[in-house]
Amino acid sequence: MYKRIRDLREDADMTQVQIAKILNCSQRVYSNYERGDIDIPTEILIKLANFHDVSVDYILGRTNKRELNK
């Protein structure tokens, strides 16, 4: 999961600071999410999934299908 959120951020050509601002948290907290030092709250998982237009299951590694069914 942690590698996925880093990969999604990098694919979007965004910095940790930029993503942290979107998530309304500090860069340090977001960095901790990417490293797996702290658990990612459900609310943040949902925000990340919505922002990157992927499912929470994709972020959690439950599926490798990146696209959402629309």
N, C-alpha and C. Protein backbone atom coordinates (compact mmCIF):
# COMPACT_ATOMS: atom_id res chain seq x y z
N MET A 1 0.83 -1.19 0.00
CA MET A 1 0.00 0.00 0.00
C MET A 1 0.87 1.25 0.00
N TYR A 2 1.94 1.25 0.78
CA TYR A 2 2.75 2.46 0.91
C TYR A 2 3.48 2.78 -0.39
N LYS A 3 3.97 1.74 -1.06
CA LYS A 3 4.62 1.95 -2.35
C LYS A 3 3.60 2.48 -3.37
N ARG A 4 2.37 1.99 -3.28
CA ARG A 4 1.35 2.44 -4.23
C ARG A 4 1.06 3.93 -4.08
N ILE A 5 0.96 4.41 -2.85
CA ILE A 5 0.64 5.84 -2.73
C ILE A 5 1.83 6.69 -3.19
N ARG A 6 3.04 6.20 -2.97
CA ARG A 6 4.21 6.94 -3.48
C ARG A 6 4.21 6.92 -5.01
N ASP A 7 3.96 5.73 -5.60
CA ASP A 7 3.94 5.62 -7.06
C ASP A 7 2.85 6.51 -7.66
N LEU A 8 1.68 6.54 -7.05
CA LEU A 8 0.60 7.40 -7.56
C LEU A 8 1.00 8.86 -7.51
N ARG A 9 1.63 9.27 -6.42
CA ARG A 9 2.09 10.66 -6.30
C ARG A 9 3.13 10.98 -7.36
N GLU A 10 4.08 10.08 -7.52
CA GLU A 10 5.13 10.31 -8.52
C GLU A 10 4.57 10.30 -9.94
N ASP A 11 3.62 9.42 -10.21
CA ASP A 11 2.98 9.39 -11.54
C ASP A 11 2.27 10.70 -11.84
N ALA A 12 1.77 11.36 -10.79
CA ALA A 12 1.10 12.65 -10.96
C ALA A 12 2.09 13.81 -10.95
N ASP A 13 3.39 13.50 -10.88
CA ASP A 13 4.45 14.53 -10.83
C ASP A 13 4.20 15.54 -9.72
N MET A 14 3.88 15.02 -8.54
CA MET A 14 3.60 15.88 -7.39
C MET A 14 4.60 15.60 -6.27
N THR A 15 4.84 16.62 -5.47
CA THR A 15 5.71 16.47 -4.31
C THR A 15 4.87 16.03 -3.11
N GLN A 16 5.56 15.59 -2.07
CA GLN A 16 4.86 15.26 -0.83
C GLN A 16 4.17 16.49 -0.26
N VAL A 17 4.79 17.63 -0.40
CA VAL A 17 4.20 18.87 0.10
C VAL A 17 2.87 19.15 -0.60
N GLN A 18 2.83 18.96 -1.91
CA GLN A 18 1.61 19.23 -2.66
C GLN A 18 0.48 18.28 -2.25
N ILE A 19 0.80 16.99 -2.14
CA ILE A 19 -0.23 16.02 -1.73
C ILE A 19 -0.68 16.29 -0.30
N ALA A 20 0.26 16.60 0.57
CA ALA A 20 -0.09 16.89 1.97
C ALA A 20 -1.05 18.06 2.05
N LYS A 21 -0.84 19.06 1.23
CA LYS A 21 -1.74 20.22 1.23
C LYS A 21 -3.15 19.81 0.82
N ILE A 22 -3.25 18.96 -0.18
CA ILE A 22 -4.57 18.47 -0.64
C ILE A 22 -5.25 17.68 0.46
N LEU A 23 -4.45 16.90 1.21
CA LEU A 23 -5.00 16.06 2.27
C LEU A 23 -5.17 16.81 3.59
N ASN A 24 -4.73 18.07 3.60
CA ASN A 24 -4.82 18.89 4.81
C ASN A 24 -4.02 18.30 5.97
N CYS A 25 -2.79 17.89 5.64
CA CYS A 25 -1.88 17.39 6.68
C CYS A 25 -0.49 17.95 6.37
N SER A 26 0.43 17.72 7.25
CA SER A 26 1.80 18.21 7.03
C SER A 26 2.56 17.26 6.10
N GLN A 27 3.64 17.77 5.53
CA GLN A 27 4.48 16.93 4.68
C GLN A 27 5.06 15.80 5.51
N ARG A 28 5.40 16.06 6.76
CA ARG A 28 5.98 15.03 7.62
C ARG A 28 4.99 13.88 7.84
N VAL A 29 3.73 14.21 8.09
CA VAL A 29 2.71 13.17 8.29
C VAL A 29 2.56 12.36 7.01
N TYR A 30 2.46 13.07 5.87
CA TYR A 30 2.32 12.35 4.60
C TYR A 30 3.53 11.46 4.34
N SER A 31 4.71 11.96 4.61
CA SER A 31 5.92 11.15 4.45
C SER A 31 5.84 9.88 5.30
N ASN A 32 5.34 10.02 6.51
CA ASN A 32 5.15 8.85 7.38
C ASN A 32 4.18 7.85 6.78
N TYR A 33 3.14 8.34 6.09
CA TYR A 33 2.22 7.43 5.40
C TYR A 33 2.96 6.65 4.33
N GLU A 34 3.75 7.35 3.50
CA GLU A 34 4.47 6.69 2.41
C GLU A 34 5.49 5.67 2.91
N ARG A 35 6.10 5.95 4.03
CA ARG A 35 7.10 5.03 4.58
C ARG A 35 6.46 3.89 5.37
N GLY A 36 5.19 4.03 5.69
CA GLY A 36 4.52 3.00 6.48
C GLY A 36 4.80 3.13 7.96
N ASP A 37 5.27 4.30 8.37
CA ASP A 37 5.57 4.51 9.79
C ASP A 37 4.30 4.67 10.62
N ILE A 38 3.25 5.18 9.99
CA ILE A 38 1.96 5.30 10.67
C ILE A 38 0.87 4.79 9.73
N ASP A 39 -0.19 4.27 10.33
CA ASP A 39 -1.32 3.78 9.53
C ASP A 39 -2.04 4.96 8.89
N ILE A 40 -2.54 4.71 7.70
CA ILE A 40 -3.28 5.74 6.98
C ILE A 40 -4.74 5.66 7.39
N PRO A 41 -5.29 6.74 7.94
CA PRO A 41 -6.70 6.72 8.32
C PRO A 41 -7.62 6.51 7.11
N THR A 42 -8.75 5.90 7.35
CA THR A 42 -9.71 5.61 6.28
C THR A 42 -10.05 6.88 5.50
N GLU A 43 -10.27 7.97 6.20
CA GLU A 43 -10.63 9.24 5.55
C GLU A 43 -9.55 9.66 4.56
N ILE A 44 -8.29 9.47 4.90
CA ILE A 44 -7.19 9.84 4.02
C ILE A 44 -7.10 8.87 2.83
N LEU A 45 -7.33 7.59 3.09
CA LEU A 45 -7.36 6.61 1.98
C LEU A 45 -8.41 6.99 0.95
N ILE A 46 -9.57 7.38 1.42
CA ILE A 46 -10.65 7.77 0.51
C ILE A 46 -10.27 9.02 -0.27
N LYS A 47 -9.68 10.00 0.41
CA LYS A 47 -9.24 11.22 -0.28
C LYS A 47 -8.19 10.91 -1.35
N LEU A 48 -7.25 10.05 -1.00
CA LEU A 48 -6.21 9.67 -1.97
C LEU A 48 -6.82 8.95 -3.17
N ALA A 49 -7.72 8.02 -2.91
CA ALA A 49 -8.37 7.28 -4.00
C ALA A 49 -9.14 8.24 -4.90
N ASN A 50 -9.89 9.14 -4.30
CA ASN A 50 -10.67 10.10 -5.11
C ASN A 50 -9.75 11.01 -5.91
N PHE A 51 -8.69 11.49 -5.29
CA PHE A 51 -7.78 12.40 -5.98
C PHE A 51 -7.12 11.71 -7.17
N HIS A 52 -6.66 10.48 -6.97
CA HIS A 52 -5.94 9.77 -8.03
C HIS A 52 -6.87 8.99 -8.95
N ASP A 53 -8.17 9.04 -8.67
CA ASP A 53 -9.18 8.37 -9.49
C ASP A 53 -8.92 6.86 -9.57
N VAL A 54 -8.63 6.28 -8.40
CA VAL A 54 -8.46 4.83 -8.28
C VAL A 54 -9.32 4.36 -7.11
N SER A 55 -9.46 3.06 -6.99
CA SER A 55 -10.24 2.53 -5.86
C SER A 55 -9.37 2.42 -4.62
N VAL A 56 -10.02 2.42 -3.47
CA VAL A 56 -9.31 2.18 -2.22
C VAL A 56 -8.70 0.78 -2.28
N ASP A 57 -9.40 -0.17 -2.90
CA ASP A 57 -8.86 -1.53 -3.04
C ASP A 57 -7.54 -1.52 -3.80
N TYR A 58 -7.41 -0.66 -4.80
CA TYR A 58 -6.15 -0.57 -5.53
C TYR A 58 -5.04 -0.08 -4.60
N ILE A 59 -5.32 0.96 -3.83
CA ILE A 59 -4.32 1.48 -2.90
C ILE A 59 -3.94 0.43 -1.87
N LEU A 60 -4.92 -0.33 -1.40
CA LEU A 60 -4.65 -1.35 -0.38
C LEU A 60 -3.99 -2.60 -0.95
N GLY A 61 -3.89 -2.68 -2.28
CA GLY A 61 -3.26 -3.84 -2.90
C GLY A 61 -4.19 -5.03 -3.05
N ARG A 62 -5.48 -4.80 -2.91
CA ARG A 62 -6.45 -5.90 -3.05
C ARG A 62 -6.76 -6.18 -4.50
N THR A 63 -6.40 -5.26 -5.39
CA THR A 63 -6.56 -5.44 -6.83
C THR A 63 -5.42 -4.72 -7.52
N ASN A 64 -5.08 -5.19 -8.70
CA ASN A 64 -4.07 -4.50 -9.50
C ASN A 64 -4.73 -3.66 -10.59
N LYS A 65 -6.06 -3.68 -10.62
CA LYS A 65 -6.81 -2.90 -11.60
C LYS A 65 -6.86 -1.44 -11.14
N ARG A 66 -6.20 -0.61 -11.87
CA ARG A 66 -6.08 0.80 -11.48
C ARG A 66 -7.33 1.62 -11.80
N GLU A 67 -8.02 1.27 -12.90
CA GLU A 67 -9.18 2.05 -13.32
C GLU A 67 -10.39 1.74 -12.44
N LEU A 68 -11.20 2.76 -12.25
CA LEU A 68 -12.47 2.58 -11.56
C LEU A 68 -13.52 2.12 -12.55
N ASN A 69 -14.46 1.34 -12.10
CA ASN A 69 -15.61 0.96 -12.93
C ASN A 69 -16.58 2.12 -12.92
N LYS A 70 -16.77 2.72 -14.07
CA LYS A 70 -17.70 3.87 -14.14
C LYS A 70 -18.80 3.58 -15.12
